[in-house]
Each structure stands twice: as structure tokens, then as C-alpha cells.
Amino acid sequence: MKKISVLVAAYNEEENVKPLAEAVINVFETQLPEYDYELVFIDNHSTDGTRAKLRELCAANPKIKAIFNARNFGSARSGFHGLAQTTGDCTIKMASDFQDPPEMIEKFVREWEKGSKIVLGIKTSSNESRIKYFLRGVYYKVIKKISEINHIEQFTGFGLYDKAFIEVIRDLHDPLPYLRGIVAELGFDYSTIPFNQPKRRSGKSKFNWYALFDLAMTGITSYSKLPLRIATLAGGVMSGLSFVVGFFYLISKLIFWDKFSAGMAPVMIGMFFLGAIQLFFLGLLGEYILAINIRVMDRPLVVEEERLNFDQTEDKKTGEDAITAAPAR
């Protein structure tokens, strides 16, 4: 019997983890009874009652597993590490807030049965904030244009990944994993299934504007050289223009010494304009340097504090990417 893994990343989702577990199990019992399953929660150091709920779930059902991180390592790193810890013939990655509908699990599996190694959920509409949905759409189009790979629009990571692709993930040692780019660059041919993204079942999203900006910059610095090329081109163009303007100003002063008086306004405007451009591109360059610095340090993706319901034989699949501070239970 084939086994399907479902990976759920959680952070302060005490009101959602139990209903989600029940919904996922119901899908397997009623719609996919021919498959075995494991439900793996990776908790990113929740500070509410999420861990207590997960302990209850693991105690009641040995097919439910949990990984507790020693601190919050960010959703991208935590989720990526979790994918590498699954043991199924395929893994379905989803969020814990019901914005990734559990009923999509069967659709993913049926498409996988047809031979697709990767099946992605693509948002065609969303009940979330219209501003966020619009900005996400703009970002996807921009990075698709400036990137050297064909990024997938309206794909957040929700989907099914065959164990062959999971093995690819396990071989990567990237402390700044950007799953959207990795799927587009290193993944197999994929199928897509459209869906409408519902609102959160309960609770408040922890993915704030800063987190969205951080994820966006990770994607840009990891998969595009164009911003740096634009900075180089802009620097060259502005240097040329500055030389021409300066030369014209000098000649005008020499010829029309008594009549020419432009004042300091043009000079000040030019200085502020050039300064703003320099600051912008310095900040952009800093983002690239920060990404390089993090990768050079090669720190673990996450540090695990505890594991529940993992067999002793089910050691971490990426030994260099995580440290376990407590034995599996």
C-alpha cells in the first residue's frame, strides 16, 4: 500500500490544528481509503496552545507526527525542512489555516496517479485582502519577467510533490530556500489545479507585510541578476548625463559670464536625485550581500527541539540541515 504524507506548517494555530487534522483524516478515510497516510506537523515555536493540541493529536493517533522547532526560523525554512522529513511516496504541503482547502488533497492524488511528479494548486481567486492579492499578482508577474527561470504565478507552495522531487530537496543545502523558484528551476514537469483561496478559518495571519517583503526579496536575490544589471546601466547613464550637464554648465559660464545665473536650485535638485538613486541601489546591493552572507555561513535550516511519533529508524533526512536537541518519541 502506498503512503501519502501531508506536511502542515504551524505557528500559533491552536484553533486550527485539530479541525485540520480531522478534515485531512476524513479525506483519507472516505475518499482515499486505498492509501496509507502520515500527517506531519512542523511547529515553528508556537507561543500559544498549539503544541499542547499537537501532543493530544499525536497521543490519539500514531499516524500523526510532530516536529517542534527550538525557535521561530521563518515559514520558508521550517516548511522546507519539514518536506525533507516526510516518508511517503508523495508529500502534500499545505498551510494550517484552511486557506489551502483539504478537499484539494484527493484532486492532487488523482492527478499524481496519472503520472505527474508535481501537482500544484494555483489560486485563480481569493477571499483574502484584495490589496494583498493584487500585490501578490504584481510580484509574480514582475519576478517572472526579470528571472531567468519561468516562475509560476499564484503558486504559494500548496501542492503535491513526488518522493523523487523530495529527494532533490534533501540534496540541497540552501539556508534561504525559495520553494517557488526551486520547483520552477529544479522540479519535474508539473500539473496545475486551480482553486479559490478561502479566508482563514480562525485566528489572525502571522504573514505580515514585512514577511511578504522578505520573501519577495529572497525570490529576487536568488533568481534574478537584472536589478544589478539595471543598477550598473543606470550608473553609466547618469554618469554620462552628469558629464554632459556639467560640460554645458561650464561652457555657459565661460561664454555668458555676466548674463548666466542659474542659481543653486538645479545643482541641489540634481544632488538629491542622484543621492536617492544611489541609496536605492545601495539598499538593493545590500540585499544581495545579505543573501550571500547567510549562504556562506551555511547555518542549519532549523534546530529541532523535539519529535513526536517518529520511529527511531526515521532519522532526519537532512543531517546537515538540522540539529535535534531531544530524542524522537
C-alpha atoms as a PDB file:
ATOM      1  CA  MET A   1       0.000   0.000   0.000  1.00  0.00           C
ATOM      2  CA  LYS A   2       1.382   3.379  -0.986  1.00  0.00           C
ATOM      3  CA  LYS A   3       1.711   6.056   1.660  1.00  0.00           C
ATOM      4  CA  ILE A   4       0.923   9.726   1.276  1.00  0.00           C
ATOM      5  CA  SER A   5       2.493  12.292   3.567  1.00  0.00           C
ATOM      6  CA  VAL A   6       0.757  15.528   4.416  1.00  0.00           C
ATOM      7  CA  LEU A   7       3.008  18.261   5.780  1.00  0.00           C
ATOM      8  CA  VAL A   8       1.436  21.114   7.715  1.00  0.00           C
ATOM      9  CA  ALA A   9       3.470  24.077   8.930  1.00  0.00           C
ATOM     10  CA  ALA A  10       2.014  25.736  12.039  1.00  0.00           C
ATOM     11  CA  TYR A  11       2.713  28.776  14.148  1.00  0.00           C
ATOM     12  CA  ASN A  12       0.229  29.856  16.838  1.00  0.00           C
ATOM     13  CA  GLU A  13      -2.655  27.923  15.276  1.00  0.00           C
ATOM     14  CA  GLU A  14      -4.216  26.358  18.366  1.00  0.00           C
ATOM     15  CA  GLU A  15      -7.740  26.836  16.991  1.00  0.00           C
ATOM     16  CA  ASN A  16      -6.960  25.263  13.620  1.00  0.00           C
ATOM     17  CA  VAL A  17      -4.645  22.257  14.035  1.00  0.00           C
ATOM     18  CA  LYS A  18      -7.234  19.866  15.470  1.00  0.00           C
ATOM     19  CA  PRO A  19     -10.028  20.661  12.955  1.00  0.00           C
ATOM     20  CA  LEU A  20      -7.492  20.453  10.139  1.00  0.00           C
ATOM     21  CA  ALA A  21      -6.237  17.058  11.312  1.00  0.00           C
ATOM     22  CA  GLU A  22      -9.820  15.818  11.426  1.00  0.00           C
ATOM     23  CA  ALA A  23     -10.513  17.165   7.927  1.00  0.00           C
ATOM     24  CA  VAL A  24      -7.372  15.571   6.455  1.00  0.00           C
ATOM     25  CA  ILE A  25      -8.038  12.206   8.090  1.00  0.00           C
ATOM     26  CA  ASN A  26     -11.630  12.309   6.845  1.00  0.00           C
ATOM     27  CA  VAL A  27     -10.367  12.750   3.275  1.00  0.00           C
ATOM     28  CA  PHE A  28      -8.215   9.627   3.543  1.00  0.00           C
ATOM     29  CA  GLU A  29     -10.878   7.534   5.240  1.00  0.00           C
ATOM     30  CA  THR A  30     -13.719   8.454   2.865  1.00  0.00           C
ATOM     31  CA  GLN A  31     -12.088   9.388  -0.439  1.00  0.00           C
ATOM     32  CA  LEU A  32      -8.645   7.727  -0.405  1.00  0.00           C
ATOM     33  CA  PRO A  33      -9.070   4.530   1.650  1.00  0.00           C
ATOM     34  CA  GLU A  34      -6.662   2.656  -0.641  1.00  0.00           C
ATOM     35  CA  TYR A  35      -3.742   4.732   0.677  1.00  0.00           C
ATOM     36  CA  ASP A  36      -1.866   4.768   3.948  1.00  0.00           C
ATOM     37  CA  TYR A  37      -1.025   8.209   5.265  1.00  0.00           C
ATOM     38  CA  GLU A  38       1.048  10.205   7.719  1.00  0.00           C
ATOM     39  CA  LEU A  39       0.184  13.698   8.882  1.00  0.00           C
ATOM     40  CA  VAL A  40       3.283  15.657   9.869  1.00  0.00           C
ATOM     41  CA  PHE A  41       3.008  18.965  11.698  1.00  0.00           C
ATOM     42  CA  ILE A  42       6.099  21.144  11.983  1.00  0.00           C
ATOM     43  CA  ASP A  43       5.582  23.734  14.695  1.00  0.00           C
ATOM     44  CA  ASN A  44       7.674  26.882  14.385  1.00  0.00           C
ATOM     45  CA  HIS A  45       7.957  27.537  18.134  1.00  0.00           C
ATOM     46  CA  SER A  46       4.346  28.487  18.844  1.00  0.00           C
ATOM     47  CA  THR A  47       3.716  30.523  21.977  1.00  0.00           C
ATOM     48  CA  ASP A  48       0.027  29.690  22.397  1.00  0.00           C
ATOM     49  CA  GLY A  49      -1.595  26.290  22.964  1.00  0.00           C
ATOM     50  CA  THR A  50      -0.671  24.815  19.577  1.00  0.00           C
ATOM     51  CA  ARG A  51       1.920  22.414  20.960  1.00  0.00           C
ATOM     52  CA  ALA A  52      -0.467  21.100  23.596  1.00  0.00           C
ATOM     53  CA  LYS A  53      -3.040  20.403  20.869  1.00  0.00           C
ATOM     54  CA  LEU A  54      -0.432  18.626  18.770  1.00  0.00           C
ATOM     55  CA  ARG A  55       0.603  16.447  21.720  1.00  0.00           C
ATOM     56  CA  GLU A  56      -3.026  15.406  22.150  1.00  0.00           C
ATOM     57  CA  LEU A  57      -3.342  14.567  18.455  1.00  0.00           C
ATOM     58  CA  CYS A  58      -0.119  12.535  18.441  1.00  0.00           C
ATOM     59  CA  ALA A  59      -1.172  10.631  21.561  1.00  0.00           C
ATOM     60  CA  ALA A  60      -4.502   9.712  19.984  1.00  0.00           C
ATOM     61  CA  ASN A  61      -3.239   8.745  16.527  1.00  0.00           C
ATOM     62  CA  PRO A  62       0.236   7.300  15.808  1.00  0.00           C
ATOM     63  CA  LYS A  63      -0.076   8.379  12.166  1.00  0.00           C
ATOM     64  CA  ILE A  64       0.046  11.997  13.281  1.00  0.00           C
ATOM     65  CA  LYS A  65       3.589  13.222  13.859  1.00  0.00           C
ATOM     66  CA  ALA A  66       5.011  16.480  15.127  1.00  0.00           C
ATOM     67  CA  ILE A  67       8.310  18.313  14.970  1.00  0.00           C
ATOM     68  CA  PHE A  68       8.854  21.142  17.456  1.00  0.00           C
ATOM     69  CA  ASN A  69      11.415  23.766  16.426  1.00  0.00           C
ATOM     70  CA  ALA A  70      13.627  25.297  19.095  1.00  0.00           C
ATOM     71  CA  ARG A  71      12.667  28.795  17.900  1.00  0.00           C
ATOM     72  CA  ASN A  72      10.876  30.502  15.026  1.00  0.00           C
ATOM     73  CA  PHE A  73      13.034  30.021  11.944  1.00  0.00           C
ATOM     74  CA  GLY A  74      10.567  31.507   9.479  1.00  0.00           C
ATOM     75  CA  SER A  75       7.888  29.791   7.451  1.00  0.00           C
ATOM     76  CA  ALA A  76      10.073  29.178   4.381  1.00  0.00           C
ATOM     77  CA  ARG A  77      12.889  27.437   6.254  1.00  0.00           C
ATOM     78  CA  SER A  78      10.589  25.481   8.542  1.00  0.00           C
ATOM     79  CA  GLY A  79       8.356  24.259   5.734  1.00  0.00           C
ATOM     80  CA  PHE A  80      11.296  23.307   3.533  1.00  0.00           C
ATOM     81  CA  HIS A  81      12.885  21.311   6.348  1.00  0.00           C
ATOM     82  CA  GLY A  82       9.569  19.602   7.028  1.00  0.00           C
ATOM     83  CA  LEU A  83       9.276  18.412   3.442  1.00  0.00           C
ATOM     84  CA  ALA A  84      12.597  16.598   3.774  1.00  0.00           C
ATOM     85  CA  GLN A  85      11.377  14.739   6.879  1.00  0.00           C
ATOM     86  CA  THR A  86       8.375  13.072   5.247  1.00  0.00           C
ATOM     87  CA  THR A  87       8.473   9.384   4.318  1.00  0.00           C
ATOM     88  CA  GLY A  88       5.573   8.933   1.900  1.00  0.00           C
ATOM     89  CA  ASP A  89       5.575   8.059  -1.786  1.00  0.00           C
ATOM     90  CA  CYS A  90       4.490  11.647  -2.241  1.00  0.00           C
ATOM     91  CA  THR A  91       4.062  14.652   0.047  1.00  0.00           C
ATOM     92  CA  ILE A  92       1.305  17.233   0.096  1.00  0.00           C
ATOM     93  CA  LYS A  93       2.335  20.566   1.585  1.00  0.00           C
ATOM     94  CA  MET A  94      -0.386  22.800   2.987  1.00  0.00           C
ATOM     95  CA  ALA A  95      -0.989  25.583   5.471  1.00  0.00           C
ATOM     96  CA  SER A  96      -2.711  25.101   8.810  1.00  0.00           C
ATOM     97  CA  ASP A  97      -5.260  27.896   8.461  1.00  0.00           C
ATOM     98  CA  PHE A  98      -7.618  26.202   5.929  1.00  0.00           C
ATOM     99  CA  GLN A  99      -6.634  28.638   3.168  1.00  0.00           C
ATOM    100  CA  ASP A 100      -5.256  25.549   1.453  1.00  0.00           C
ATOM    101  CA  PRO A 101      -8.520  23.530   1.204  1.00  0.00           C
ATOM    102  CA  PRO A 102      -8.237  19.907   2.445  1.00  0.00           C
ATOM    103  CA  GLU A 103     -10.651  18.784  -0.274  1.00  0.00           C
ATOM    104  CA  MET A 104      -7.894  19.505  -2.795  1.00  0.00           C
ATOM    105  CA  ILE A 105      -5.931  16.512  -1.460  1.00  0.00           C
ATOM    106  CA  GLU A 106      -7.931  13.989  -3.464  1.00  0.00           C
ATOM    107  CA  LYS A 107      -7.599  16.070  -6.636  1.00  0.00           C
ATOM    108  CA  PHE A 108      -3.836  16.217  -6.183  1.00  0.00           C
ATOM    109  CA  VAL A 109      -3.586  12.473  -5.648  1.00  0.00           C
ATOM    110  CA  ARG A 110      -5.742  11.624  -8.668  1.00  0.00           C
ATOM    111  CA  GLU A 111      -3.561  13.821 -10.861  1.00  0.00           C
ATOM    112  CA  TRP A 112      -0.450  12.194  -9.369  1.00  0.00           C
ATOM    113  CA  GLU A 113      -1.880   8.785 -10.248  1.00  0.00           C
ATOM    114  CA  LYS A 114      -1.896   9.868 -13.896  1.00  0.00           C
ATOM    115  CA  GLY A 115       1.875  10.258 -13.785  1.00  0.00           C
ATOM    116  CA  SER A 116       2.534  13.854 -12.708  1.00  0.00           C
ATOM    117  CA  LYS A 117       5.507  14.104 -10.360  1.00  0.00           C
ATOM    118  CA  ILE A 118       4.427  17.533  -9.124  1.00  0.00           C
ATOM    119  CA  VAL A 119       0.874  18.842  -8.853  1.00  0.00           C
ATOM    120  CA  LEU A 120       0.448  22.486  -7.893  1.00  0.00           C
ATOM    121  CA  GLY A 121      -2.523  24.385  -6.542  1.00  0.00           C
ATOM    122  CA  ILE A 122      -2.886  27.685  -8.403  1.00  0.00           C
ATOM    123  CA  LYS A 123      -5.023  30.456  -6.969  1.00  0.00           C
ATOM    124  CA  THR A 124      -7.450  31.843  -9.544  1.00  0.00           C
ATOM    125  CA  SER A 125      -9.249  33.968  -6.964  1.00  0.00           C
ATOM    126  CA  SER A 126      -9.024  34.654  -3.266  1.00  0.00           C
ATOM    127  CA  ASN A 127     -11.201  35.738  -0.381  1.00  0.00           C
ATOM    128  CA  GLU A 128      -8.203  37.324   1.335  1.00  0.00           C
ATOM    129  CA  SER A 129      -7.447  41.053   1.291  1.00  0.00           C
ATOM    130  CA  ARG A 130      -7.868  42.411  -2.227  1.00  0.00           C
ATOM    131  CA  ILE A 131      -4.812  44.595  -1.792  1.00  0.00           C
ATOM    132  CA  LYS A 132      -2.640  41.614  -0.821  1.00  0.00           C
ATOM    133  CA  TYR A 133      -3.979  39.506  -3.664  1.00  0.00           C
ATOM    134  CA  PHE A 134      -3.328  42.326  -6.143  1.00  0.00           C
ATOM    135  CA  LEU A 135       0.207  42.948  -4.875  1.00  0.00           C
ATOM    136  CA  ARG A 136       0.977  39.233  -4.950  1.00  0.00           C
ATOM    137  CA  GLY A 137      -0.172  39.131  -8.553  1.00  0.00           C
ATOM    138  CA  VAL A 138       2.031  42.107  -9.453  1.00  0.00           C
ATOM    139  CA  TYR A 139       5.021  40.495  -7.732  1.00  0.00           C
ATOM    140  CA  TYR A 140       4.537  37.182  -9.561  1.00  0.00           C
ATOM    141  CA  LYS A 141       4.417  38.962 -12.909  1.00  0.00           C
ATOM    142  CA  VAL A 142       7.476  41.105 -12.119  1.00  0.00           C
ATOM    143  CA  ILE A 143       9.679  38.225 -10.935  1.00  0.00           C
ATOM    144  CA  LYS A 144       8.546  36.137 -13.900  1.00  0.00           C
ATOM    145  CA  LYS A 145       9.755  38.903 -16.203  1.00  0.00           C
ATOM    146  CA  ILE A 146      13.100  39.574 -14.510  1.00  0.00           C
ATOM    147  CA  SER A 147      14.007  35.995 -13.598  1.00  0.00           C
ATOM    148  CA  GLU A 148      15.993  33.583 -15.725  1.00  0.00           C
ATOM    149  CA  ILE A 149      13.545  30.798 -14.906  1.00  0.00           C
ATOM    150  CA  ASN A 150       9.844  30.539 -15.626  1.00  0.00           C
ATOM    151  CA  HIS A 151       8.275  31.330 -12.260  1.00  0.00           C
ATOM    152  CA  ILE A 152       4.785  30.040 -11.574  1.00  0.00           C
ATOM    153  CA  GLU A 153       2.161  32.711 -10.988  1.00  0.00           C
ATOM    154  CA  GLN A 154      -0.180  32.496  -7.972  1.00  0.00           C
ATOM    155  CA  PHE A 155       1.620  29.449  -6.567  1.00  0.00           C
ATOM    156  CA  THR A 156       2.322  29.599  -2.835  1.00  0.00           C
ATOM    157  CA  GLY A 157       3.786  26.134  -2.234  1.00  0.00           C
ATOM    158  CA  PHE A 158       0.461  24.338  -1.821  1.00  0.00           C
ATOM    159  CA  GLY A 159       0.693  21.142  -3.832  1.00  0.00           C
ATOM    160  CA  LEU A 160       1.833  17.532  -4.149  1.00  0.00           C
ATOM    161  CA  TYR A 161       5.454  16.511  -4.586  1.00  0.00           C
ATOM    162  CA  ASP A 162       6.559  13.026  -5.586  1.00  0.00           C
ATOM    163  CA  LYS A 163       9.255  11.380  -3.488  1.00  0.00           C
ATOM    164  CA  ALA A 164      11.643  11.803  -6.443  1.00  0.00           C
ATOM    165  CA  PHE A 165      11.397  15.578  -6.018  1.00  0.00           C
ATOM    166  CA  ILE A 166      11.642  15.259  -2.230  1.00  0.00           C
ATOM    167  CA  GLU A 167      14.988  13.550  -2.795  1.00  0.00           C
ATOM    168  CA  VAL A 168      16.099  16.566  -4.815  1.00  0.00           C
ATOM    169  CA  ILE A 169      15.170  18.786  -1.860  1.00  0.00           C
ATOM    170  CA  ARG A 170      17.144  16.617   0.552  1.00  0.00           C
ATOM    171  CA  ASP A 171      20.279  17.075  -1.543  1.00  0.00           C
ATOM    172  CA  LEU A 172      20.036  20.871  -1.386  1.00  0.00           C
ATOM    173  CA  HIS A 173      21.884  22.812   1.300  1.00  0.00           C
ATOM    174  CA  ASP A 174      20.373  26.252   0.987  1.00  0.00           C
ATOM    175  CA  PRO A 175      19.728  28.256   4.180  1.00  0.00           C
ATOM    176  CA  LEU A 176      17.468  30.570   2.154  1.00  0.00           C
ATOM    177  CA  PRO A 177      15.176  28.123   0.366  1.00  0.00           C
ATOM    178  CA  TYR A 178      12.655  29.648  -2.020  1.00  0.00           C
ATOM    179  CA  LEU A 179      10.358  26.753  -2.880  1.00  0.00           C
ATOM    180  CA  ARG A 180       8.579  28.567  -5.706  1.00  0.00           C
ATOM    181  CA  GLY A 181      11.860  29.073  -7.508  1.00  0.00           C
ATOM    182  CA  ILE A 182      13.183  25.607  -6.693  1.00  0.00           C
ATOM    183  CA  VAL A 183      10.093  23.964  -8.186  1.00  0.00           C
ATOM    184  CA  ALA A 184      10.382  26.091 -11.327  1.00  0.00           C
ATOM    185  CA  GLU A 185      14.133  25.553 -11.682  1.00  0.00           C
ATOM    186  CA  LEU A 186      14.800  22.020 -10.441  1.00  0.00           C
ATOM    187  CA  GLY A 187      11.409  20.351 -10.431  1.00  0.00           C
ATOM    188  CA  PHE A 188       9.922  17.933 -12.914  1.00  0.00           C
ATOM    189  CA  ASP A 189       7.173  18.792 -15.369  1.00  0.00           C
ATOM    190  CA  TYR A 190       4.167  19.738 -13.287  1.00  0.00           C
ATOM    191  CA  SER A 191       0.395  19.808 -13.492  1.00  0.00           C
ATOM    192  CA  THR A 192      -1.739  22.579 -12.056  1.00  0.00           C
ATOM    193  CA  ILE A 193      -5.157  22.572 -10.444  1.00  0.00           C
ATOM    194  CA  PRO A 194      -6.952  25.909  -9.994  1.00  0.00           C
ATOM    195  CA  PHE A 195      -8.761  26.738  -6.770  1.00  0.00           C
ATOM    196  CA  ASN A 196     -10.345  29.635  -4.938  1.00  0.00           C
ATOM    197  CA  GLN A 197      -8.472  30.528  -1.775  1.00  0.00           C
ATOM    198  CA  PRO A 198     -10.900  30.823   1.155  1.00  0.00           C
ATOM    199  CA  LYS A 199     -10.466  33.001   4.209  1.00  0.00           C
ATOM    200  CA  ARG A 200      -8.726  31.735   7.303  1.00  0.00           C
ATOM    201  CA  ARG A 201     -10.942  29.504   9.412  1.00  0.00           C
ATOM    202  CA  SER A 202      -9.961  31.331  12.591  1.00  0.00           C
ATOM    203  CA  GLY A 203      -7.138  33.325  14.090  1.00  0.00           C
ATOM    204  CA  LYS A 204      -5.030  36.038  12.533  1.00  0.00           C
ATOM    205  CA  SER A 205      -2.432  35.621   9.814  1.00  0.00           C
ATOM    206  CA  LYS A 206       1.173  35.841  11.022  1.00  0.00           C
ATOM    207  CA  PHE A 207       2.374  36.525   7.481  1.00  0.00           C
ATOM    208  CA  ASN A 208       2.615  40.302   7.771  1.00  0.00           C
ATOM    209  CA  TRP A 209       3.810  42.877   5.244  1.00  0.00           C
ATOM    210  CA  TYR A 210       7.416  42.569   6.368  1.00  0.00           C
ATOM    211  CA  ALA A 211       7.297  38.784   5.932  1.00  0.00           C
ATOM    212  CA  LEU A 212       5.887  39.251   2.430  1.00  0.00           C
ATOM    213  CA  PHE A 213       8.641  41.756   1.596  1.00  0.00           C
ATOM    214  CA  ASP A 214      11.307  39.419   2.984  1.00  0.00           C
ATOM    215  CA  LEU A 215      10.010  36.522   0.899  1.00  0.00           C
ATOM    216  CA  ALA A 216       9.839  38.725  -2.191  1.00  0.00           C
ATOM    217  CA  MET A 217      13.449  39.875  -1.760  1.00  0.00           C
ATOM    218  CA  THR A 218      14.585  36.279  -1.278  1.00  0.00           C
ATOM    219  CA  GLY A 219      12.997  35.383  -4.595  1.00  0.00           C
ATOM    220  CA  ILE A 220      14.536  38.355  -6.396  1.00  0.00           C
ATOM    221  CA  THR A 221      18.060  37.969  -4.985  1.00  0.00           C
ATOM    222  CA  SER A 222      18.023  34.199  -5.565  1.00  0.00           C
ATOM    223  CA  TYR A 223      16.733  34.131  -9.127  1.00  0.00           C
ATOM    224  CA  SER A 224      17.446  37.433 -10.862  1.00  0.00           C
ATOM    225  CA  LYS A 225      20.561  39.351 -11.879  1.00  0.00           C
ATOM    226  CA  LEU A 226      18.541  42.008 -13.668  1.00  0.00           C
ATOM    227  CA  PRO A 227      18.311  44.509 -10.759  1.00  0.00           C
ATOM    228  CA  LEU A 228      22.120  44.594 -10.506  1.00  0.00           C
ATOM    229  CA  ARG A 229      22.421  44.990 -14.255  1.00  0.00           C
ATOM    230  CA  ILE A 230      19.931  47.872 -14.127  1.00  0.00           C
ATOM    231  CA  ALA A 231      21.982  49.481 -11.355  1.00  0.00           C
ATOM    232  CA  THR A 232      25.113  49.227 -13.494  1.00  0.00           C
ATOM    233  CA  LEU A 233      23.325  50.600 -16.551  1.00  0.00           C
ATOM    234  CA  ALA A 234      21.690  53.414 -14.581  1.00  0.00           C
ATOM    235  CA  GLY A 235      25.035  54.351 -13.064  1.00  0.00           C
ATOM    236  CA  GLY A 236      26.598  54.563 -16.504  1.00  0.00           C
ATOM    237  CA  VAL A 237      23.746  56.592 -17.976  1.00  0.00           C
ATOM    238  CA  MET A 238      23.614  59.000 -15.030  1.00  0.00           C
ATOM    239  CA  SER A 239      27.398  59.460 -15.139  1.00  0.00           C
ATOM    240  CA  GLY A 240      27.192  60.325 -18.829  1.00  0.00           C
ATOM    241  CA  LEU A 241      24.335  62.759 -18.303  1.00  0.00           C
ATOM    242  CA  SER A 242      26.127  64.380 -15.383  1.00  0.00           C
ATOM    243  CA  PHE A 243      29.224  64.881 -17.547  1.00  0.00           C
ATOM    244  CA  VAL A 244      27.181  66.441 -20.366  1.00  0.00           C
ATOM    245  CA  VAL A 245      25.285  68.744 -17.999  1.00  0.00           C
ATOM    246  CA  GLY A 246      28.484  69.750 -16.219  1.00  0.00           C
ATOM    247  CA  PHE A 247      30.235  70.472 -19.514  1.00  0.00           C
ATOM    248  CA  PHE A 248      27.279  72.532 -20.761  1.00  0.00           C
ATOM    249  CA  TYR A 249      27.173  74.451 -17.479  1.00  0.00           C
ATOM    250  CA  LEU A 250      30.924  75.201 -17.697  1.00  0.00           C
ATOM    251  CA  ILE A 251      30.730  76.451 -21.296  1.00  0.00           C
ATOM    252  CA  SER A 252      27.698  78.590 -20.467  1.00  0.00           C
ATOM    253  CA  LYS A 253      29.506  80.176 -17.560  1.00  0.00           C
ATOM    254  CA  LEU A 254      32.539  80.970 -19.717  1.00  0.00           C
ATOM    255  CA  ILE A 255      30.578  82.444 -22.609  1.00  0.00           C
ATOM    256  CA  PHE A 256      27.786  84.165 -20.723  1.00  0.00           C
ATOM    257  CA  TRP A 257      29.668  85.010 -17.546  1.00  0.00           C
ATOM    258  CA  ASP A 258      27.670  88.139 -16.772  1.00  0.00           C
ATOM    259  CA  LYS A 259      24.282  87.001 -18.077  1.00  0.00           C
ATOM    260  CA  PHE A 260      24.199  83.354 -16.986  1.00  0.00           C
ATOM    261  CA  SER A 261      22.942  82.787 -13.483  1.00  0.00           C
ATOM    262  CA  ALA A 262      21.103  79.531 -12.912  1.00  0.00           C
ATOM    263  CA  GLY A 263      21.483  79.672  -9.147  1.00  0.00           C
ATOM    264  CA  MET A 264      21.907  76.676  -6.864  1.00  0.00           C
ATOM    265  CA  ALA A 265      18.473  75.115  -7.462  1.00  0.00           C
ATOM    266  CA  PRO A 266      19.479  72.877 -10.406  1.00  0.00           C
ATOM    267  CA  VAL A 267      22.569  71.724  -8.529  1.00  0.00           C
ATOM    268  CA  MET A 268      20.580  70.862  -5.386  1.00  0.00           C
ATOM    269  CA  ILE A 269      17.873  69.066  -7.354  1.00  0.00           C
ATOM    270  CA  GLY A 270      20.494  67.046  -9.196  1.00  0.00           C
ATOM    271  CA  MET A 271      22.283  66.141  -5.965  1.00  0.00           C
ATOM    272  CA  PHE A 272      19.106  64.939  -4.281  1.00  0.00           C
ATOM    273  CA  PHE A 273      18.079  62.971  -7.358  1.00  0.00           C
ATOM    274  CA  LEU A 274      21.424  61.261  -7.703  1.00  0.00           C
ATOM    275  CA  GLY A 275      21.576  60.644  -3.955  1.00  0.00           C
ATOM    276  CA  ALA A 276      18.159  58.955  -3.989  1.00  0.00           C
ATOM    277  CA  ILE A 277      19.208  56.692  -6.849  1.00  0.00           C
ATOM    278  CA  GLN A 278      22.435  55.799  -5.071  1.00  0.00           C
ATOM    279  CA  LEU A 279      20.643  54.973  -1.824  1.00  0.00           C
ATOM    280  CA  PHE A 280      18.103  52.801  -3.644  1.00  0.00           C
ATOM    281  CA  PHE A 281      20.724  50.744  -5.430  1.00  0.00           C
ATOM    282  CA  LEU A 282      22.936  50.556  -2.336  1.00  0.00           C
ATOM    283  CA  GLY A 283      19.981  49.053  -0.478  1.00  0.00           C
ATOM    284  CA  LEU A 284      19.388  46.619  -3.335  1.00  0.00           C
ATOM    285  CA  LEU A 285      23.054  45.670  -3.369  1.00  0.00           C
ATOM    286  CA  GLY A 286      22.858  45.178   0.390  1.00  0.00           C
ATOM    287  CA  GLU A 287      20.051  42.638  -0.087  1.00  0.00           C
ATOM    288  CA  TYR A 288      22.260  40.596  -2.404  1.00  0.00           C
ATOM    289  CA  ILE A 289      25.195  40.808   0.002  1.00  0.00           C
ATOM    290  CA  LEU A 290      22.953  39.741   2.898  1.00  0.00           C
ATOM    291  CA  ALA A 291      21.777  36.709   0.926  1.00  0.00           C
ATOM    292  CA  ILE A 292      25.387  35.804   0.113  1.00  0.00           C
ATOM    293  CA  ASN A 293      26.406  36.216   3.747  1.00  0.00           C
ATOM    294  CA  ILE A 294      23.664  33.902   5.012  1.00  0.00           C
ATOM    295  CA  ARG A 295      24.550  31.258   2.446  1.00  0.00           C
ATOM    296  CA  VAL A 296      28.284  31.467   3.193  1.00  0.00           C
ATOM    297  CA  MET A 297      27.649  30.940   6.932  1.00  0.00           C
ATOM    298  CA  ASP A 298      25.726  27.765   5.982  1.00  0.00           C
ATOM    299  CA  ARG A 299      23.816  27.539   9.246  1.00  0.00           C
ATOM    300  CA  PRO A 300      21.138  24.871   9.813  1.00  0.00           C
ATOM    301  CA  LEU A 301      17.711  25.399   8.326  1.00  0.00           C
ATOM    302  CA  VAL A 302      16.147  24.743  11.733  1.00  0.00           C
ATOM    303  CA  VAL A 303      17.101  23.382  15.121  1.00  0.00           C
ATOM    304  CA  GLU A 304      14.652  20.770  16.339  1.00  0.00           C
ATOM    305  CA  GLU A 305      13.670  20.644  19.979  1.00  0.00           C
ATOM    306  CA  GLU A 306      11.515  17.525  19.966  1.00  0.00           C
ATOM    307  CA  ARG A 307       9.854  14.942  17.738  1.00  0.00           C
ATOM    308  CA  LEU A 308       6.664  13.017  18.397  1.00  0.00           C
ATOM    309  CA  ASN A 309       5.643   9.648  16.879  1.00  0.00           C
ATOM    310  CA  PHE A 310       8.764   9.312  14.732  1.00  0.00           C
ATOM    311  CA  ASP A 311      10.286   5.832  14.841  1.00  0.00           C
ATOM    312  CA  GLN A 312      13.901   5.531  15.922  1.00  0.00           C
ATOM    313  CA  THR A 313      14.711   4.400  12.373  1.00  0.00           C
ATOM    314  CA  GLU A 314      13.201   7.566  10.928  1.00  0.00           C
ATOM    315  CA  ASP A 315      16.180   9.809  11.459  1.00  0.00           C
ATOM    316  CA  LYS A 316      16.330  13.254   9.956  1.00  0.00           C
ATOM    317  CA  LYS A 317      16.609  13.096   6.214  1.00  0.00           C
ATOM    318  CA  THR A 318      18.914  16.091   6.010  1.00  0.00           C
ATOM    319  CA  GLY A 319      21.570  15.564   8.640  1.00  0.00           C
ATOM    320  CA  GLU A 320      23.450  18.786   7.855  1.00  0.00           C
ATOM    321  CA  ASP A 321      20.336  20.934   7.830  1.00  0.00           C
ATOM    322  CA  ALA A 322      19.004  20.393  11.346  1.00  0.00           C
ATOM    323  CA  ILE A 323      20.083  19.582  14.873  1.00  0.00           C
ATOM    324  CA  THR A 324      17.900  17.575  17.194  1.00  0.00           C
ATOM    325  CA  ALA A 325      18.089  18.652  20.813  1.00  0.00           C
ATOM    326  CA  ALA A 326      15.878  15.854  22.092  1.00  0.00           C
ATOM    327  CA  PRO A 327      15.392  12.219  21.076  1.00  0.00           C
ATOM    328  CA  ALA A 328      12.419  11.200  18.956  1.00  0.00           C
ATOM    329  CA  ARG A 329       9.452   9.797  20.854  1.00  0.00           C
END
